[in-house]
Protein backbone atom coordinates (compact mmCIF):
# COMPACT_ATOMS: atom_id res chain seq x y z
CA UNK A 1 -18.92 -2.38 80.16
CA UNK A 2 -16.17 -4.33 82.07
CA UNK A 3 -12.56 -3.87 81.34
CA UNK A 4 -12.19 -7.41 80.29
CA UNK A 5 -14.83 -6.87 77.62
CA UNK A 6 -13.34 -3.70 76.42
CA UNK A 7 -9.93 -5.40 76.28
CA UNK A 8 -11.46 -8.31 74.23
CA UNK A 9 -12.88 -5.75 71.77
CA UNK A 10 -9.35 -4.16 71.54
CA UNK A 11 -7.80 -7.66 70.96
CA UNK A 12 -10.04 -8.31 68.10
CA UNK A 13 -9.02 -5.06 66.56
CA UNK A 14 -5.31 -5.75 67.35
CA UNK A 15 -5.63 -9.14 65.61
CA UNK A 16 -7.02 -7.57 62.48
CA UNK A 17 -4.32 -4.88 62.70
CA UNK A 18 -1.64 -7.44 63.02
CA UNK A 19 -2.92 -9.27 60.10
CA UNK A 20 -3.09 -6.09 57.89
CA UNK A 21 0.36 -5.02 59.11
CA UNK A 22 1.86 -8.33 58.18
CA UNK A 23 0.33 -8.11 54.70
CA UNK A 24 1.66 -4.62 54.41
CA UNK A 25 5.20 -5.75 55.32
CA UNK A 26 4.98 -8.63 52.80
CA UNK A 27 3.86 -6.31 50.04
CA UNK A 28 6.63 -3.72 50.93
CA UNK A 29 9.15 -6.62 50.85
CA UNK A 30 7.91 -7.78 47.41
CA UNK A 31 8.23 -4.23 46.13
CA UNK A 32 11.68 -3.85 47.52
CA UNK A 33 12.92 -7.14 46.07
CA UNK A 34 11.31 -6.38 42.59
CA UNK A 35 10.30 -9.98 42.09
CA UNK A 36 13.03 -11.94 40.30
CA UNK A 37 14.64 -8.87 38.69
CA UNK A 38 17.59 -8.59 41.07
CA UNK A 39 18.46 -12.26 40.52
CA UNK A 40 18.13 -12.02 36.78
CA UNK A 41 20.18 -8.77 36.72
CA UNK A 42 22.93 -10.48 38.71
CA UNK A 43 22.95 -13.62 36.56
CA UNK A 44 22.93 -11.44 33.35
CA UNK A 45 25.92 -9.48 34.60
CA UNK A 46 27.75 -12.69 35.48
CA UNK A 47 26.95 -14.05 31.88
CA UNK A 48 28.08 -10.67 30.39
CA UNK A 49 31.47 -10.92 32.08
CA UNK A 50 31.83 -14.56 31.07
CA UNK A 51 31.19 -13.54 27.51
CA UNK A 52 34.09 -11.06 27.72
CA UNK A 53 36.35 -13.63 29.38
CA UNK A 54 35.66 -16.32 26.82
CA UNK A 55 36.07 -13.97 23.79
CA UNK A 56 39.33 -12.66 25.19
CA UNK A 57 40.60 -16.29 25.62
CA UNK A 58 39.45 -17.15 22.10
CA UNK A 59 41.20 -14.00 20.84
CA UNK A 60 44.43 -14.88 22.61
CA UNK A 61 44.47 -18.38 21.04
CA UNK A 62 43.70 -17.05 17.65
CA UNK A 63 46.60 -14.51 18.00
CA UNK A 64 48.80 -17.34 19.23
CA UNK A 65 47.95 -19.41 16.14
CA UNK A 66 48.89 -16.62 13.96
CA UNK A 67 51.98 -15.83 15.89
CA UNK A 68 53.19 -19.32 15.67
CA UNK A 69 52.48 -19.82 11.91
CA UNK A 70 54.42 -16.57 11.22
CA UNK A 71 57.31 -17.84 13.38
CA UNK A 72 57.25 -21.17 11.61
CA UNK A 73 57.29 -19.44 8.20
CA UNK A 74 60.25 -17.23 9.31
CA UNK A 75 62.10 -20.23 10.63
CA UNK A 76 61.53 -22.27 7.47
CA UNK A 77 62.58 -19.54 5.29
CA UNK A 78 65.93 -19.32 7.22
CA UNK A 79 66.14 -23.07 7.61
CA UNK A 80 65.78 -23.89 3.85
CA UNK A 81 67.52 -20.76 2.46
CA UNK A 82 70.77 -22.50 2.45
CA UNK A 83 72.33 -19.55 4.15
CA UNK A 84 73.00 -21.38 7.40
CA UNK A 85 75.93 -23.74 7.13
CA UNK A 86 77.03 -24.07 10.75
CA UNK A 87 75.84 -27.36 12.12
CA UNK A 88 75.26 -26.11 15.72
CA UNK A 89 73.33 -23.17 14.51
CA UNK A 90 71.22 -25.40 12.12
CA UNK A 91 70.47 -27.86 14.84
CA UNK A 92 69.35 -25.03 17.10
CA UNK A 93 67.07 -23.57 14.30
CA UNK A 94 65.56 -27.10 13.83
CA UNK A 95 64.85 -27.43 17.58
CA UNK A 96 63.15 -23.89 17.49
CA UNK A 97 61.18 -25.11 14.45
CA UNK A 98 59.98 -28.25 16.24
CA UNK A 99 59.02 -26.19 19.33
CA UNK A 100 57.04 -23.65 17.22
CA UNK A 101 55.19 -26.53 15.51
CA UNK A 102 54.28 -28.02 18.95
CA UNK A 103 53.13 -24.61 20.20
CA UNK A 104 50.99 -24.26 17.05
CA UNK A 105 49.40 -27.64 17.51
CA UNK A 106 48.59 -26.89 21.08
CA UNK A 107 47.02 -23.62 20.22
CA UNK A 108 45.07 -24.97 17.24
CA UNK A 109 43.73 -27.78 19.46
CA UNK A 110 42.53 -25.19 21.99
CA UNK A 111 40.87 -22.79 19.49
CA UNK A 112 37.88 -24.90 18.76
CA UNK A 113 36.80 -25.44 22.37
CA UNK A 114 37.46 -21.81 23.17
CA UNK A 115 35.23 -20.77 20.24
CA UNK A 116 32.42 -23.05 21.40
CA UNK A 117 32.77 -21.68 24.98
CA UNK A 118 32.48 -18.14 23.65
CA UNK A 119 29.44 -18.96 21.58
CA UNK A 120 27.79 -20.84 24.51
CA UNK A 121 28.51 -17.90 26.83
CA UNK A 122 27.07 -15.38 24.34
CA UNK A 123 23.92 -17.47 23.76
CA UNK A 124 23.36 -17.84 27.54
CA UNK A 125 23.82 -14.01 27.95
CA UNK A 126 21.43 -13.35 25.16
CA UNK A 127 18.76 -15.66 26.61
CA UNK A 128 19.09 -14.01 30.00
CA UNK A 129 18.69 -10.55 28.42
CA UNK A 130 15.46 -11.67 26.63
CA UNK A 131 14.15 -13.15 30.01
CA UNK A 132 15.22 -9.90 31.80
CA UNK A 133 13.43 -7.65 29.37
CA UNK A 134 10.25 -9.78 29.62
CA UNK A 135 10.42 -9.87 33.45
CA UNK A 136 10.94 -6.05 33.55
CA UNK A 137 7.76 -5.62 31.41
CA UNK A 138 5.69 -7.92 33.67
CA UNK A 139 7.07 -6.20 36.82
CA UNK A 140 5.75 -2.84 35.56
CA UNK A 141 2.38 -4.22 35.73
CA UNK A 142 2.78 -6.27 38.87
CA UNK A 143 4.47 -3.41 40.79
CA UNK A 144 1.46 -1.10 40.03
CA UNK A 145 -0.93 -3.76 41.47
CA UNK A 146 1.30 -4.30 44.60
CA UNK A 147 1.58 -0.49 45.24
CA UNK A 148 -2.23 -0.10 44.90
CA UNK A 149 -2.73 -3.06 47.27
CA UNK A 150 -0.07 -1.56 49.72
CA UNK A 151 -1.94 1.78 49.72
CA UNK A 152 -5.18 0.06 50.43
CA UNK A 153 -3.83 -1.98 53.23
CA UNK A 154 -2.00 1.06 54.70
CA UNK A 155 -5.38 2.92 54.88
CA UNK A 156 -6.96 -0.17 56.62
CA UNK A 157 -4.10 -0.15 59.11
CA UNK A 158 -4.57 3.60 59.86
CA UNK A 159 -8.37 3.08 60.26
CA UNK A 160 -7.76 0.15 62.71
CA UNK A 161 -5.28 2.23 64.67
CA UNK A 162 -7.90 4.91 65.08
CA UNK A 163 -10.48 2.36 65.99
CA UNK A 164 -8.15 0.84 68.59
CA UNK A 165 -7.37 4.19 70.09
CA UNK A 166 -11.08 4.74 70.58
CA UNK A 167 -11.58 1.33 72.02
CA UNK A 168 -8.74 1.89 74.60
CA UNK A 169 -10.23 5.12 75.86
CA UNK A 170 -12.51 3.43 78.38
CA UNK A 171 -9.85 1.12 79.86
CA UNK A 172 -7.89 1.92 82.87
CA UNK A 173 -4.08 2.38 82.24
CA UNK A 174 -3.18 -0.35 84.75
CA UNK A 175 -5.33 -2.84 82.80
CA UNK A 176 -3.99 -1.62 79.43
CA UNK A 177 -0.44 -2.11 80.59
CA UNK A 178 -1.32 -5.70 81.64
CA UNK A 179 -2.88 -6.26 78.25
CA UNK A 180 0.06 -4.84 76.23
CA UNK A 181 2.44 -7.00 78.29
CA UNK A 182 0.53 -10.26 77.73
CA UNK A 183 -0.45 -9.73 74.00
CA UNK A 184 3.01 -10.72 72.46
CA UNK A 185 3.77 -13.35 75.15
CA UNK A 186 0.45 -15.09 74.49
CA UNK A 187 0.55 -15.29 70.78
CA UNK A 188 -1.95 -12.35 70.27
CA UNK A 189 -4.49 -13.62 72.66
CA UNK A 190 -4.26 -11.89 75.97
CA UNK A 191 -7.95 -12.10 76.69
CA UNK A 192 -9.75 -15.51 76.71
CA UNK A 193 -13.40 -16.24 76.99
CA UNK A 194 -14.63 -18.67 79.56
CA UNK A 195 -17.28 -21.20 78.15
CA UNK A 196 -18.79 -23.89 80.39
CA UNK A 197 -16.12 -23.21 82.99
CA UNK A 198 -13.31 -23.77 80.54
CA UNK A 199 -10.61 -21.22 79.51
CA UNK A 200 -10.69 -20.97 75.78
CA UNK A 201 -7.02 -19.78 75.80
CA UNK A 202 -5.58 -23.08 77.33
CA UNK A 203 -8.66 -25.37 77.23
CA UNK A 204 -8.28 -26.12 80.96
CA UNK A 205 -11.32 -26.19 83.29
CA UNK A 206 -11.12 -23.40 85.82
CA UNK A 207 -11.07 -24.10 89.56
CA UNK A 208 -14.23 -23.34 91.48
CA UNK A 209 -12.51 -20.47 93.28
CA UNK A 210 -11.51 -18.81 89.99
CA UNK A 211 -15.11 -19.15 88.74
CA UNK A 212 -16.38 -17.50 91.75
CA UNK A 213 -13.93 -14.60 91.43
CA UNK A 214 -14.91 -14.23 87.75
CA UNK A 215 -18.53 -13.76 88.63
CA UNK A 216 -18.05 -11.27 91.54
CA UNK A 217 -14.73 -9.55 91.06
CA UNK A 218 -14.61 -5.95 89.71
CA UNK A 219 -10.98 -6.31 88.84
CA UNK A 220 -9.50 -8.51 86.04
CA UNK A 221 -9.19 -12.14 86.83
CA UNK A 222 -6.32 -14.17 85.42
CA UNK A 223 -6.35 -17.84 84.40
CA UNK A 224 -4.12 -19.76 86.79
CA UNK A 225 -3.04 -22.10 84.05
CA UNK A 226 -2.15 -19.79 81.11
CA UNK A 227 -2.09 -16.33 82.71
CA UNK A 228 -4.58 -14.76 80.27
CA UNK A 229 -7.20 -12.26 81.24
CA UNK A 230 -10.54 -14.13 81.61
CA UNK A 231 -13.91 -12.96 80.35
CA UNK A 232 -17.08 -14.84 81.42
CA UNK A 233 -19.60 -15.40 78.63
């Protein structure tokens, strides 16, 4: 059997091997990414932190309302007790009272939106937690299927590698080196059949001289157009 024929057989094995290897890499990537779990976990963590932040803000505003109410009550007790008779001191206390009332109004105005923001954040986090739990359960089933498929594809790859090693045994090292060099450069097609005088790699008709070489040469013949190894059929 000619080297070109042996190399074509190798190429067919290599193409199947490349397909299986690509499938294995895809399966491994899916297993590593855990589907949507990483994204959901990240989103859930962001939502959890948001819950803490909004609760803290709501708590601060509630505390501010309580503080200002207590302050106003204290000021009013002093203001209306009749104990303060100095006009300057009374004026300063009234200004302090007005400021406390403004601060209370501002805090009370902000409490409602802060409470709603906290409730919204908690609801979003809860929804994400439910989605995460459901996705984790689904992933347990999916990952088992992916792992089984990956093991099966790995076995296929190993079988093809053994088959390829056997197919390369009868090919001269020089021809193997040429084939290995061409395979990645020619999109996985280093050997092209010639049908009706046309190279099936580039679809260009071969010159008469090349056709003559292909019929009589003992060595590999290369297509002058695409540089692939030619095999007459």
